[in-house]
Amino acid sequence: MNEVDVLKSITEQLTKRKKAAALNNYEVLCNNIKYVNNIFNDGIIVLISLQKKLDEIHKNDEFISDEFKNNSSKYFYFKMIIPRILLNNINIIQKFEYYTKPDNRTNITIETIKKLEKDFFDYNNLVTSARQLIDSLIADAYQFTLLDPKEINFQVLTSLDSFSKYATRSILESLFNSNIRTCLDEFRKLNHKKRVKGEASPFTKCNKKTFGEKVDYLFNCLNLTNDNNLKEEIKNLFSFSSEFTHIGYISTFFTSSNTTDVVFGDDLGPYLLSTENFNELKYEILVTTIKLFAKIYLPSIKNMLEKLLEQNIFKEYQSLIDTTILNIINGLNTRNNEYYFFIIKGLIGSNETIELPCKCNNVTHWYPPHKQTNAYCKKCGSRFSFFEIHGNAEYILTTEGPVKVIGSKTQNI
């Protein structure tokens, strides 16, 4: 294979797109997105409340641990900047939450179906907001874990240096006072190597320079070394979102194709192939980011608060954060499972409508002729399988207690 062979393959790929496919149920995707988005919203509400409380607490040293009270301590200024960092995260999280809401299918008809069409703008907004979110949460979880003045100086001064090079005079005047200008001037005198090496710089360092290095560090600190799947998910999402953020050839080719959009339909009305493809990606991104939020970001905040706050105050926040993490993880675990039902033999294939109660509290009405492709929960996407029972059994004892056999005449438990 030579350079012309490779160029030929690339040319064919970028000019002859394969036919698109719909591999998921759009209605289930929308329900899943709505459910997970609501879980995320609950977590955001807790984070907003936490940020407001910390903004008040830092003004009252009564609740702050001793090493954060002394103005000669390297930790002194963290009690003031931490609420500001959290507020920055909240803004980024809320933007991402906005782009991961479920589609509104109200009044969608064949005539108005173009409202559901998804193109480059939709993909770019979704994926770029995801990139901003995971980049920000990992970077700040890293800062919360270290609480090192030199590390946060590097992160903020690097940001200020980039920002100031194109900001207008009005913005610069409102943002930069004489002290920060002096700090920035000193920072600019250092080459990159000196900025990241703490021994060479009197006020900055950066031990973990890349996104991947920070992820590896946090997984070790939080004892998540066995959760390699999540680590790879996060890194893969970062790489995938880079293609959209930097407007690579593949992202624009995929999202701005001139192929005809195919119309599908379900119980709620018509929808487009591009709509289903987009929501499939939206759901996967949403699940990965909320796992990051629950398993990395919130635990990092908790560890930081254990250092910042007096122990009796910290216990209140510990309970709040632990409950939030548990609710998110439990909520995610109800999605897309496989549940087994015990059912009287002969009921499947009869003329009876079979009611299948899912653990998400939704009841599926399984109509004759009871096709296995329809044996799933539209609310959570879980699949249903069956054990057929001969005779007149009423209940089956399981590890979760007695379970009624579907089709038996006994009362429900």
Protein backbone atom coordinates (compact mmCIF):
# COMPACT_ATOMS: atom_id res chain seq x y z
CA MET A 1 0.00 0.00 0.00
CA ASN A 2 1.44 3.39 -1.01
CA GLU A 3 0.37 7.01 -0.61
CA VAL A 4 -1.86 6.92 -3.70
CA ASP A 5 -3.69 3.81 -2.45
CA VAL A 6 -4.39 5.50 0.87
CA LEU A 7 -5.48 8.72 -0.83
CA LYS A 8 -7.81 6.67 -3.07
CA SER A 9 -9.46 5.09 0.00
CA ILE A 10 -9.82 8.49 1.69
CA THR A 11 -11.28 10.04 -1.45
CA GLU A 12 -13.85 7.28 -1.81
CA GLN A 13 -14.77 7.58 1.87
CA LEU A 14 -15.23 11.35 1.73
CA THR A 15 -17.23 11.36 -1.51
CA LYS A 16 -19.32 8.18 -1.35
CA ARG A 17 -21.09 7.90 1.95
CA LYS A 18 -22.66 4.55 2.87
CA LYS A 19 -26.39 4.39 3.36
CA ALA A 20 -27.37 5.44 6.87
CA ALA A 21 -29.09 3.06 9.27
CA ALA A 22 -31.44 3.40 12.23
CA LEU A 23 -30.32 0.91 14.86
CA ASN A 24 -32.32 2.11 17.85
CA ASN A 25 -35.90 2.83 18.85
CA TYR A 26 -36.41 6.59 18.71
CA GLU A 27 -39.23 6.64 21.25
CA VAL A 28 -37.15 4.65 23.74
CA LEU A 29 -34.16 6.92 23.11
CA CYS A 30 -36.24 10.02 23.85
CA ASN A 31 -37.59 8.47 27.05
CA ASN A 32 -34.10 7.44 28.13
CA ILE A 33 -32.73 10.91 27.38
CA LYS A 34 -35.55 12.54 29.35
CA TYR A 35 -34.98 10.24 32.31
CA VAL A 36 -31.18 10.65 32.44
CA ASN A 37 -31.43 14.40 31.79
CA ASN A 38 -33.76 14.65 34.80
CA ILE A 39 -31.26 12.71 36.94
CA PHE A 40 -28.56 15.13 35.80
CA ASN A 41 -30.81 18.08 36.63
CA ASP A 42 -31.26 16.82 40.18
CA GLY A 43 -27.47 16.67 40.55
CA ILE A 44 -27.10 20.19 39.14
CA ILE A 45 -29.62 21.52 41.68
CA VAL A 46 -27.55 20.00 44.51
CA LEU A 47 -24.35 21.52 43.06
CA ILE A 48 -25.94 24.98 42.81
CA SER A 49 -27.09 24.75 46.43
CA LEU A 50 -23.63 23.60 47.50
CA GLN A 51 -21.93 26.46 45.68
CA LYS A 52 -24.18 29.06 47.34
CA LYS A 53 -23.55 27.62 50.80
CA LEU A 54 -19.78 27.58 50.28
CA ASP A 55 -19.90 31.17 49.04
CA GLU A 56 -21.37 32.11 52.42
CA ILE A 57 -19.19 29.79 54.51
CA HIS A 58 -15.89 31.19 53.24
CA LYS A 59 -16.82 34.52 54.85
CA ASN A 60 -17.17 32.84 58.24
CA ASP A 61 -13.97 31.22 59.53
CA GLU A 62 -15.98 29.44 62.22
CA PHE A 63 -16.73 26.62 59.77
CA ILE A 64 -13.32 26.51 58.07
CA SER A 65 -10.55 24.13 59.15
CA ASP A 66 -7.49 25.70 60.78
CA GLU A 67 -5.06 25.38 57.87
CA PHE A 68 -7.39 27.48 55.67
CA LYS A 69 -7.76 30.28 58.24
CA ASN A 70 -4.18 31.51 58.45
CA ASN A 71 -3.47 34.10 55.74
CA SER A 72 0.16 32.99 55.67
CA SER A 73 -0.90 29.44 54.75
CA LYS A 74 -0.73 28.32 51.13
CA TYR A 75 -4.35 27.13 51.50
CA PHE A 76 -5.79 30.45 52.69
CA TYR A 77 -7.05 31.76 49.34
CA PHE A 78 -8.59 28.47 48.26
CA LYS A 79 -11.61 29.07 50.50
CA MET A 80 -12.44 32.10 48.35
CA ILE A 81 -11.63 30.78 44.90
CA ILE A 82 -13.34 27.38 45.29
CA PRO A 83 -16.91 28.83 45.14
CA ARG A 84 -15.87 30.75 42.00
CA ILE A 85 -14.54 27.58 40.34
CA LEU A 86 -17.79 25.79 41.18
CA LEU A 87 -19.80 28.63 39.65
CA ASN A 88 -17.74 28.34 36.47
CA ASN A 89 -18.49 24.60 36.35
CA ILE A 90 -22.21 25.20 36.90
CA ASN A 91 -22.38 27.50 33.86
CA ILE A 92 -20.69 24.90 31.66
CA ILE A 93 -22.85 22.08 33.03
CA GLN A 94 -26.07 24.04 32.45
CA LYS A 95 -25.07 24.70 28.85
CA PHE A 96 -24.50 20.97 28.30
CA GLU A 97 -27.79 20.10 30.02
CA TYR A 98 -29.58 22.48 27.63
CA TYR A 99 -28.19 20.66 24.58
CA THR A 100 -29.09 17.21 25.98
CA LYS A 101 -32.81 17.76 26.53
CA PRO A 102 -35.19 15.31 24.85
CA ASP A 103 -36.80 16.29 21.54
CA ASN A 104 -40.16 18.00 21.68
CA ARG A 105 -42.46 15.98 19.41
CA THR A 106 -45.59 18.03 20.10
CA ASN A 107 -47.55 18.75 16.89
CA ILE A 108 -44.94 17.06 14.68
CA THR A 109 -46.57 15.95 11.43
CA ILE A 110 -45.31 15.11 7.96
CA GLU A 111 -45.70 18.81 7.13
CA THR A 112 -43.65 19.95 10.16
CA ILE A 113 -41.20 17.05 10.36
CA LYS A 114 -38.27 19.26 9.29
CA LYS A 115 -38.29 20.62 12.86
CA LEU A 116 -36.76 17.30 13.95
CA GLU A 117 -34.03 17.31 11.31
CA LYS A 118 -30.49 17.28 12.73
CA ASP A 119 -27.51 18.70 10.88
CA PHE A 120 -23.99 20.05 11.45
CA PHE A 121 -25.14 22.85 13.78
CA ASP A 122 -26.94 20.43 16.09
CA TYR A 123 -24.07 17.96 16.22
CA ASN A 124 -21.48 20.67 16.70
CA ASN A 125 -23.39 22.32 19.55
CA LEU A 126 -23.98 19.00 21.31
CA VAL A 127 -20.49 17.57 20.98
CA THR A 128 -18.63 20.84 21.59
CA SER A 129 -20.62 21.43 24.79
CA ALA A 130 -19.72 17.88 25.85
CA ARG A 131 -16.03 18.57 25.15
CA GLN A 132 -16.15 21.77 27.20
CA LEU A 133 -17.90 19.94 30.03
CA ILE A 134 -15.59 16.95 30.41
CA ASP A 135 -12.48 19.11 29.90
CA SER A 136 -13.62 21.52 32.61
CA LEU A 137 -14.79 18.91 35.12
CA ILE A 138 -11.60 16.85 34.82
CA ALA A 139 -9.37 19.93 35.07
CA ASP A 140 -11.16 21.24 38.16
CA ALA A 141 -11.50 17.82 39.82
CA TYR A 142 -7.72 17.67 39.41
CA GLN A 143 -7.38 21.08 41.12
CA PHE A 144 -9.75 20.09 43.94
CA THR A 145 -7.69 16.95 44.56
CA LEU A 146 -4.34 18.77 44.66
CA LEU A 147 -5.19 22.14 46.25
CA ASP A 148 -1.76 23.30 45.11
CA PRO A 149 -1.30 27.09 44.54
CA LYS A 150 1.31 26.59 41.81
CA GLU A 151 -0.97 24.22 39.87
CA ILE A 152 -3.99 26.51 39.91
CA ASN A 153 -1.78 29.52 39.12
CA PHE A 154 -0.63 27.75 35.96
CA GLN A 155 -4.19 26.91 34.89
CA VAL A 156 -5.60 30.42 35.48
CA LEU A 157 -2.62 32.35 34.11
CA THR A 158 -2.58 30.19 30.97
CA SER A 159 -6.25 31.02 30.50
CA LEU A 160 -5.68 34.74 31.13
CA ASP A 161 -2.75 34.81 28.74
CA SER A 162 -4.83 33.34 25.92
CA PHE A 163 -7.87 35.48 26.71
CA SER A 164 -6.00 38.76 26.86
CA LYS A 165 -4.42 38.43 23.42
CA TYR A 166 -7.65 39.19 21.59
CA ALA A 167 -9.97 40.70 24.21
CA THR A 168 -11.12 44.29 23.59
CA ARG A 169 -9.76 47.19 25.63
CA SER A 170 -13.08 47.55 27.44
CA ILE A 171 -13.03 43.91 28.55
CA LEU A 172 -9.38 44.11 29.58
CA GLU A 173 -9.96 47.22 31.65
CA SER A 174 -12.87 45.62 33.49
CA LEU A 175 -11.04 42.33 34.07
CA PHE A 176 -7.35 43.09 34.70
CA ASN A 177 -6.12 45.10 37.68
CA SER A 178 -2.48 46.15 38.14
CA ASN A 179 -1.62 43.12 40.32
CA ILE A 180 -2.82 40.55 37.83
CA ARG A 181 -1.10 42.43 35.00
CA THR A 182 2.16 42.14 36.90
CA CYS A 183 1.61 38.41 37.49
CA LEU A 184 0.80 37.90 33.83
CA ASP A 185 3.90 39.82 32.73
CA GLU A 186 6.09 37.61 34.92
CA PHE A 187 4.34 34.51 33.61
CA ARG A 188 5.01 35.55 30.01
CA LYS A 189 8.73 35.90 30.74
CA LEU A 190 8.87 32.16 31.47
CA ASN A 191 9.12 29.72 28.61
CA HIS A 192 6.72 26.76 28.59
CA LYS A 193 9.22 24.37 30.17
CA LYS A 194 9.81 26.69 33.12
CA ARG A 195 6.08 27.29 33.54
CA VAL A 196 5.34 23.59 34.01
CA LYS A 197 8.43 22.71 36.07
CA GLY A 198 7.82 23.87 39.61
CA GLU A 199 11.53 24.00 40.46
CA ALA A 200 12.19 26.40 37.58
CA SER A 201 9.25 28.70 38.30
CA PRO A 202 8.65 30.52 41.59
CA PHE A 203 4.86 30.47 41.20
CA THR A 204 3.59 27.91 38.63
CA LYS A 205 3.81 24.23 37.77
CA CYS A 206 1.80 21.58 35.91
CA ASN A 207 2.66 17.97 36.71
CA LYS A 208 -0.15 16.49 34.58
CA LYS A 209 -0.21 18.37 31.31
CA THR A 210 -2.69 16.39 29.21
CA PHE A 211 -6.34 15.47 29.65
CA GLY A 212 -5.47 11.76 29.68
CA GLU A 213 -2.82 12.21 32.39
CA LYS A 214 -5.30 14.02 34.60
CA VAL A 215 -7.90 11.28 34.07
CA ASP A 216 -5.37 8.56 35.02
CA TYR A 217 -4.34 10.54 38.12
CA LEU A 218 -7.93 11.03 39.30
CA PHE A 219 -8.83 7.38 38.78
CA ASN A 220 -5.89 6.41 40.99
CA CYS A 221 -6.69 8.99 43.68
CA LEU A 222 -10.37 8.00 43.80
CA ASN A 223 -9.67 4.24 43.80
CA LEU A 224 -11.38 3.74 40.45
CA THR A 225 -8.57 1.67 38.98
CA ASN A 226 -10.94 -1.25 38.32
CA ASP A 227 -13.34 0.91 36.30
CA ASN A 228 -11.28 0.85 33.11
CA ASN A 229 -14.36 0.91 30.90
CA LEU A 230 -15.38 4.33 32.21
CA LYS A 231 -11.82 5.61 31.87
CA GLU A 232 -11.75 4.56 28.21
CA GLU A 233 -15.24 6.01 27.64
CA ILE A 234 -14.11 9.40 28.94
CA LYS A 235 -10.91 9.42 26.91
CA ASN A 236 -12.73 8.24 23.79
CA LEU A 237 -15.36 10.96 24.18
CA PHE A 238 -12.57 13.52 24.49
CA SER A 239 -10.97 12.27 21.26
CA PHE A 240 -14.32 12.05 19.47
CA SER A 241 -15.34 15.56 20.54
CA SER A 242 -11.96 16.93 19.41
CA GLU A 243 -12.91 16.01 15.85
CA PHE A 244 -16.00 18.24 16.12
CA THR A 245 -14.38 21.01 18.16
CA HIS A 246 -11.54 21.37 15.65
CA ILE A 247 -13.90 20.85 12.67
CA GLY A 248 -12.24 17.81 11.18
CA TYR A 249 -13.15 16.44 7.77
CA ILE A 250 -15.06 13.45 9.16
CA SER A 251 -17.38 15.44 11.43
CA THR A 252 -18.49 17.77 8.65
CA PHE A 253 -18.75 14.93 6.13
CA PHE A 254 -20.97 12.93 8.46
CA THR A 255 -23.25 15.79 9.55
CA SER A 256 -23.64 17.75 6.30
CA SER A 257 -24.35 14.96 3.86
CA ASN A 258 -26.71 15.76 0.99
CA THR A 259 -28.26 12.28 1.07
CA THR A 260 -32.05 12.11 1.37
CA ASP A 261 -33.35 11.93 4.95
CA VAL A 262 -35.59 8.89 5.47
CA VAL A 263 -38.96 9.25 7.23
CA PHE A 264 -39.91 6.75 9.95
CA GLY A 265 -42.94 6.57 12.22
CA ASP A 266 -44.01 5.25 15.62
CA ASP A 267 -46.99 5.59 17.97
CA LEU A 268 -46.18 9.28 18.55
CA GLY A 269 -45.87 10.29 14.90
CA PRO A 270 -43.26 10.67 12.18
CA TYR A 271 -39.54 11.29 12.66
CA LEU A 272 -36.40 11.33 10.53
CA LEU A 273 -33.41 9.04 10.22
CA SER A 274 -31.10 11.93 11.13
CA THR A 275 -33.21 12.48 14.26
CA GLU A 276 -32.73 8.91 15.46
CA ASN A 277 -28.99 8.91 14.70
CA PHE A 278 -28.51 12.20 16.55
CA ASN A 279 -30.43 11.08 19.64
CA GLU A 280 -28.53 7.81 19.80
CA LEU A 281 -25.32 9.82 20.06
CA LYS A 282 -26.90 12.29 22.50
CA TYR A 283 -27.90 9.49 24.84
CA GLU A 284 -24.44 7.87 24.80
CA ILE A 285 -22.74 11.21 25.51
CA LEU A 286 -25.21 12.03 28.28
CA VAL A 287 -24.63 8.70 30.04
CA THR A 288 -20.82 9.01 29.87
CA THR A 289 -20.81 12.58 31.19
CA ILE A 290 -23.19 11.87 34.06
CA LYS A 291 -20.98 8.94 35.10
CA LEU A 292 -18.02 11.32 35.11
CA PHE A 293 -20.07 13.81 37.15
CA ALA A 294 -21.07 11.16 39.75
CA LYS A 295 -17.92 9.05 39.97
CA ILE A 296 -15.14 11.64 39.56
CA TYR A 297 -16.31 15.23 39.88
CA LEU A 298 -18.57 14.96 42.96
CA PRO A 299 -16.15 12.67 44.89
CA SER A 300 -13.34 15.17 44.17
CA ILE A 301 -15.47 17.94 45.64
CA LYS A 302 -16.20 15.79 48.68
CA ASN A 303 -12.49 15.09 49.25
CA MET A 304 -11.72 18.78 48.92
CA LEU A 305 -14.45 19.73 51.41
CA GLU A 306 -13.04 17.27 53.95
CA LYS A 307 -9.86 19.36 53.98
CA LEU A 308 -11.61 22.75 53.80
CA LEU A 309 -14.35 22.40 56.43
CA GLU A 310 -14.55 21.62 60.13
CA GLN A 311 -15.46 17.97 60.58
CA ASN A 312 -18.96 18.51 62.00
CA ILE A 313 -19.84 20.79 59.06
CA PHE A 314 -18.20 18.47 56.54
CA LYS A 315 -20.37 15.53 57.65
CA GLU A 316 -23.49 17.39 56.47
CA TYR A 317 -22.00 17.95 53.02
CA GLN A 318 -20.63 14.43 52.89
CA SER A 319 -24.11 13.03 53.42
CA LEU A 320 -25.57 15.34 50.76
CA ILE A 321 -22.94 14.43 48.15
CA ASP A 322 -23.04 10.69 48.92
CA THR A 323 -26.84 10.66 48.57
CA THR A 324 -26.63 12.53 45.26
CA ILE A 325 -24.03 10.10 43.88
CA LEU A 326 -26.10 7.10 45.00
CA ASN A 327 -29.27 8.48 43.40
CA ILE A 328 -27.48 9.06 40.09
CA ILE A 329 -25.85 5.61 40.00
CA ASN A 330 -29.06 3.84 41.00
CA GLY A 331 -30.98 5.83 38.40
CA LEU A 332 -28.54 4.86 35.65
CA ASN A 333 -28.67 1.22 36.68
CA THR A 334 -32.40 1.00 35.87
CA ARG A 335 -31.75 1.80 32.20
CA ASN A 336 -31.61 -0.82 29.42
CA ASN A 337 -31.59 -3.98 31.53
CA GLU A 338 -32.93 -7.44 30.80
CA TYR A 339 -35.77 -8.60 33.06
CA TYR A 340 -37.22 -12.11 33.29
CA PHE A 341 -40.90 -12.88 33.87
CA PHE A 342 -42.50 -16.13 35.00
CA ILE A 343 -45.60 -16.70 32.86
CA ILE A 344 -48.23 -19.44 32.56
CA LYS A 345 -47.49 -21.66 29.56
CA GLY A 346 -49.88 -21.01 26.70
CA LEU A 347 -50.50 -17.34 27.51
CA ILE A 348 -47.90 -16.25 24.96
CA GLY A 349 -49.56 -16.69 21.57
CA SER A 350 -53.09 -16.45 22.96
CA ASN A 351 -55.59 -13.66 22.31
CA GLU A 352 -54.90 -12.09 25.72
CA THR A 353 -53.14 -8.74 26.21
CA ILE A 354 -50.32 -9.40 28.69
CA GLU A 355 -49.33 -6.70 31.21
CA LEU A 356 -45.59 -6.58 31.93
CA PRO A 357 -44.68 -4.35 34.93
CA CYS A 358 -41.13 -2.99 34.61
CA LYS A 359 -38.88 -2.02 37.52
CA CYS A 360 -39.00 1.59 36.30
CA ASN A 361 -42.73 1.53 37.25
CA ASN A 362 -43.93 1.54 33.64
CA VAL A 363 -46.43 -1.14 32.55
CA THR A 364 -46.07 -2.51 29.01
CA HIS A 365 -49.23 -3.84 27.35
CA TRP A 366 -48.00 -6.74 25.18
CA TYR A 367 -50.66 -7.25 22.53
CA PRO A 368 -51.32 -10.43 20.50
CA PRO A 369 -49.64 -12.02 18.64
CA HIS A 370 -46.96 -11.27 21.29
CA LYS A 371 -43.99 -10.66 19.01
CA GLN A 372 -40.70 -10.87 20.92
CA THR A 373 -39.56 -7.68 19.17
CA ASN A 374 -42.30 -5.82 21.09
CA ALA A 375 -41.34 -7.30 24.49
CA TYR A 376 -39.54 -4.28 25.89
CA CYS A 377 -40.20 -1.21 28.04
CA LYS A 378 -40.60 1.99 26.04
CA LYS A 379 -39.81 4.09 29.11
CA CYS A 380 -36.41 2.65 30.04
CA GLY A 381 -35.50 0.43 27.09
CA SER A 382 -35.24 -2.76 29.15
CA ARG A 383 -35.83 -6.06 27.34
CA PHE A 384 -38.16 -8.78 28.63
CA SER A 385 -37.57 -12.54 28.57
CA PHE A 386 -39.85 -15.30 29.87
CA PHE A 387 -39.84 -18.57 31.78
CA GLU A 388 -43.00 -20.51 30.94
CA ILE A 389 -44.50 -22.36 33.92
CA HIS A 390 -46.69 -25.49 33.55
CA GLY A 391 -49.68 -26.06 35.79
CA ASN A 392 -51.39 -23.69 38.22
CA ALA A 393 -48.42 -22.03 39.93
CA GLU A 394 -49.23 -18.68 41.53
CA TYR A 395 -45.92 -17.41 42.92
CA ILE A 396 -42.24 -18.17 42.42
CA LEU A 397 -39.79 -17.57 45.28
CA THR A 398 -36.75 -15.57 44.17
CA THR A 399 -33.87 -13.85 45.97
CA GLU A 400 -36.02 -10.69 45.94
CA GLY A 401 -38.99 -12.47 47.47
CA PRO A 402 -42.16 -14.03 46.00
CA VAL A 403 -42.97 -13.03 42.41
CA LYS A 404 -46.42 -13.51 40.88
CA VAL A 405 -46.60 -15.76 37.83
CA ILE A 406 -48.15 -13.73 35.02
CA GLY A 407 -51.48 -15.21 33.99
CA SER A 408 -52.24 -16.78 37.37
CA LYS A 409 -55.53 -15.88 39.03
CA THR A 410 -54.01 -14.88 42.37
CA GLN A 411 -53.75 -11.29 43.57
CA ASN A 412 -50.77 -9.05 42.87
CA ILE A 413 -48.17 -8.50 45.56
